[in-house]
Amino acid sequence: MKDRQLTLRDFLEIYDFVTKEGIKLDGVYKHSGIKAWHDFDGYTCWLGYKDLTITLLFHGRFSIEYEHKDTLESFHKIANKFTVS
């Protein structure tokens, strides 16, 4: 599979996959090292992987924060397996 930039749609697909196929523990779903959780009303969702956090906001915005570039690259490799396109 070719490497590409992930979009908001991709992040939502990943979130959906992790929450459907992952294991839930203390309100956090986990699958293949990726964690997914949301706030009390579901308007803000997060994906986490090692030192990386992706914040998905209600109005179609998102932010990506990480400490190490190799963490982002590792996340992309895992996440590309979960996306349709």
C-alpha atoms as a PDB file:
ATOM      1  CA  MET A   1       0.000   0.000   0.000  1.00  0.00           C
ATOM      2  CA  LYS A   2       1.349   3.414  -0.902  1.00  0.00           C
ATOM      3  CA  ASP A   3       2.039   5.896   1.861  1.00  0.00           C
ATOM      4  CA  ARG A   4      -0.127   9.012   1.792  1.00  0.00           C
ATOM      5  CA  GLN A   5      -1.301  11.815   4.028  1.00  0.00           C
ATOM      6  CA  LEU A   6      -4.205  10.843   6.226  1.00  0.00           C
ATOM      7  CA  THR A   7      -7.333  13.008   6.073  1.00  0.00           C
ATOM      8  CA  LEU A   8     -10.092  13.779   8.565  1.00  0.00           C
ATOM      9  CA  ARG A   9     -12.181  11.059   6.933  1.00  0.00           C
ATOM     10  CA  ASP A  10      -9.327   8.578   7.446  1.00  0.00           C
ATOM     11  CA  PHE A  11      -9.030   9.524  11.111  1.00  0.00           C
ATOM     12  CA  LEU A  12     -12.779   9.037  11.560  1.00  0.00           C
ATOM     13  CA  GLU A  13     -12.544   5.617   9.869  1.00  0.00           C
ATOM     14  CA  ILE A  14      -9.678   4.683  12.185  1.00  0.00           C
ATOM     15  CA  TYR A  15     -11.651   5.885  15.204  1.00  0.00           C
ATOM     16  CA  ASP A  16     -14.668   3.837  14.085  1.00  0.00           C
ATOM     17  CA  PHE A  17     -12.549   0.735  13.471  1.00  0.00           C
ATOM     18  CA  VAL A  18     -10.785   0.925  16.839  1.00  0.00           C
ATOM     19  CA  THR A  19     -14.060   1.446  18.734  1.00  0.00           C
ATOM     20  CA  LYS A  20     -15.783  -1.420  16.907  1.00  0.00           C
ATOM     21  CA  GLU A  21     -12.949  -3.957  16.819  1.00  0.00           C
ATOM     22  CA  GLY A  22     -10.867  -2.931  19.815  1.00  0.00           C
ATOM     23  CA  ILE A  23     -11.016  -3.878  23.460  1.00  0.00           C
ATOM     24  CA  LYS A  24     -12.637  -1.359  25.823  1.00  0.00           C
ATOM     25  CA  LEU A  25     -11.061  -0.756  29.212  1.00  0.00           C
ATOM     26  CA  ASP A  26     -11.963   2.181  31.474  1.00  0.00           C
ATOM     27  CA  GLY A  27     -13.703   4.041  28.638  1.00  0.00           C
ATOM     28  CA  VAL A  28     -10.780   3.739  26.208  1.00  0.00           C
ATOM     29  CA  TYR A  29     -10.744   1.405  23.219  1.00  0.00           C
ATOM     30  CA  LYS A  30      -7.464  -0.106  22.064  1.00  0.00           C
ATOM     31  CA  HIS A  31      -6.492  -1.981  18.904  1.00  0.00           C
ATOM     32  CA  SER A  32      -2.988  -2.590  17.489  1.00  0.00           C
ATOM     33  CA  GLY A  33      -1.520  -0.049  19.894  1.00  0.00           C
ATOM     34  CA  ILE A  34      -3.913   2.718  18.828  1.00  0.00           C
ATOM     35  CA  LYS A  35      -6.245   4.082  21.493  1.00  0.00           C
ATOM     36  CA  ALA A  36      -9.577   5.835  20.861  1.00  0.00           C
ATOM     37  CA  TRP A  37     -11.724   7.737  23.353  1.00  0.00           C
ATOM     38  CA  HIS A  38     -14.188  10.647  23.499  1.00  0.00           C
ATOM     39  CA  ASP A  39     -15.526  13.249  25.895  1.00  0.00           C
ATOM     40  CA  PHE A  40     -18.849  12.876  27.723  1.00  0.00           C
ATOM     41  CA  ASP A  41     -21.010  14.173  24.846  1.00  0.00           C
ATOM     42  CA  GLY A  42     -18.998  12.756  21.930  1.00  0.00           C
ATOM     43  CA  TYR A  43     -18.258  16.127  20.344  1.00  0.00           C
ATOM     44  CA  THR A  44     -14.521  15.701  20.777  1.00  0.00           C
ATOM     45  CA  CYS A  45     -12.743  12.429  20.064  1.00  0.00           C
ATOM     46  CA  TRP A  46      -9.115  11.443  20.347  1.00  0.00           C
ATOM     47  CA  LEU A  47      -6.778   8.889  18.833  1.00  0.00           C
ATOM     48  CA  GLY A  48      -3.575   8.099  20.662  1.00  0.00           C
ATOM     49  CA  TYR A  49      -0.451   6.135  19.849  1.00  0.00           C
ATOM     50  CA  LYS A  50       2.671   6.307  22.022  1.00  0.00           C
ATOM     51  CA  ASP A  51       3.494  10.055  22.267  1.00  0.00           C
ATOM     52  CA  LEU A  52       1.057  11.029  19.475  1.00  0.00           C
ATOM     53  CA  THR A  53      -2.418  12.464  20.081  1.00  0.00           C
ATOM     54  CA  ILE A  54      -4.921  13.345  17.366  1.00  0.00           C
ATOM     55  CA  THR A  55      -7.848  15.510  18.445  1.00  0.00           C
ATOM     56  CA  LEU A  56     -10.971  15.262  16.263  1.00  0.00           C
ATOM     57  CA  LEU A  57     -13.330  18.196  16.738  1.00  0.00           C
ATOM     58  CA  PHE A  58     -17.050  18.357  15.968  1.00  0.00           C
ATOM     59  CA  HIS A  59     -16.910  20.877  13.116  1.00  0.00           C
ATOM     60  CA  GLY A  60     -14.475  18.922  10.966  1.00  0.00           C
ATOM     61  CA  ARG A  61     -11.219  20.190  12.370  1.00  0.00           C
ATOM     62  CA  PHE A  62      -8.418  18.138  13.815  1.00  0.00           C
ATOM     63  CA  SER A  63      -4.984  18.591  15.323  1.00  0.00           C
ATOM     64  CA  ILE A  64      -2.010  16.256  15.539  1.00  0.00           C
ATOM     65  CA  GLU A  65       0.534  16.523  18.338  1.00  0.00           C
ATOM     66  CA  TYR A  66       3.584  14.303  18.757  1.00  0.00           C
ATOM     67  CA  GLU A  67       7.060  14.410  20.197  1.00  0.00           C
ATOM     68  CA  HIS A  68       8.938  12.123  17.802  1.00  0.00           C
ATOM     69  CA  LYS A  69       8.586  12.015  14.019  1.00  0.00           C
ATOM     70  CA  ASP A  70       9.129   8.243  13.977  1.00  0.00           C
ATOM     71  CA  THR A  71       6.004   7.859  16.137  1.00  0.00           C
ATOM     72  CA  LEU A  72       3.973   9.636  13.452  1.00  0.00           C
ATOM     73  CA  GLU A  73       5.477   7.390  10.773  1.00  0.00           C
ATOM     74  CA  SER A  74       4.712   4.247  12.795  1.00  0.00           C
ATOM     75  CA  PHE A  75       1.151   5.448  13.353  1.00  0.00           C
ATOM     76  CA  HIS A  76       0.700   5.997   9.602  1.00  0.00           C
ATOM     77  CA  LYS A  77       1.860   2.450   8.847  1.00  0.00           C
ATOM     78  CA  ILE A  78      -0.655   0.947  11.258  1.00  0.00           C
ATOM     79  CA  ALA A  79      -3.450   3.375  10.390  1.00  0.00           C
ATOM     80  CA  ASN A  80      -3.161   2.828   6.629  1.00  0.00           C
ATOM     81  CA  LYS A  81      -4.260  -0.775   7.229  1.00  0.00           C
ATOM     82  CA  PHE A  82      -7.536   0.466   8.758  1.00  0.00           C
ATOM     83  CA  THR A  83      -8.586   2.899   6.022  1.00  0.00           C
ATOM     84  CA  VAL A  84     -10.564   2.076   2.894  1.00  0.00           C
ATOM     85  CA  SER A  85      -8.816   4.272   0.338  1.00  0.00           C
END
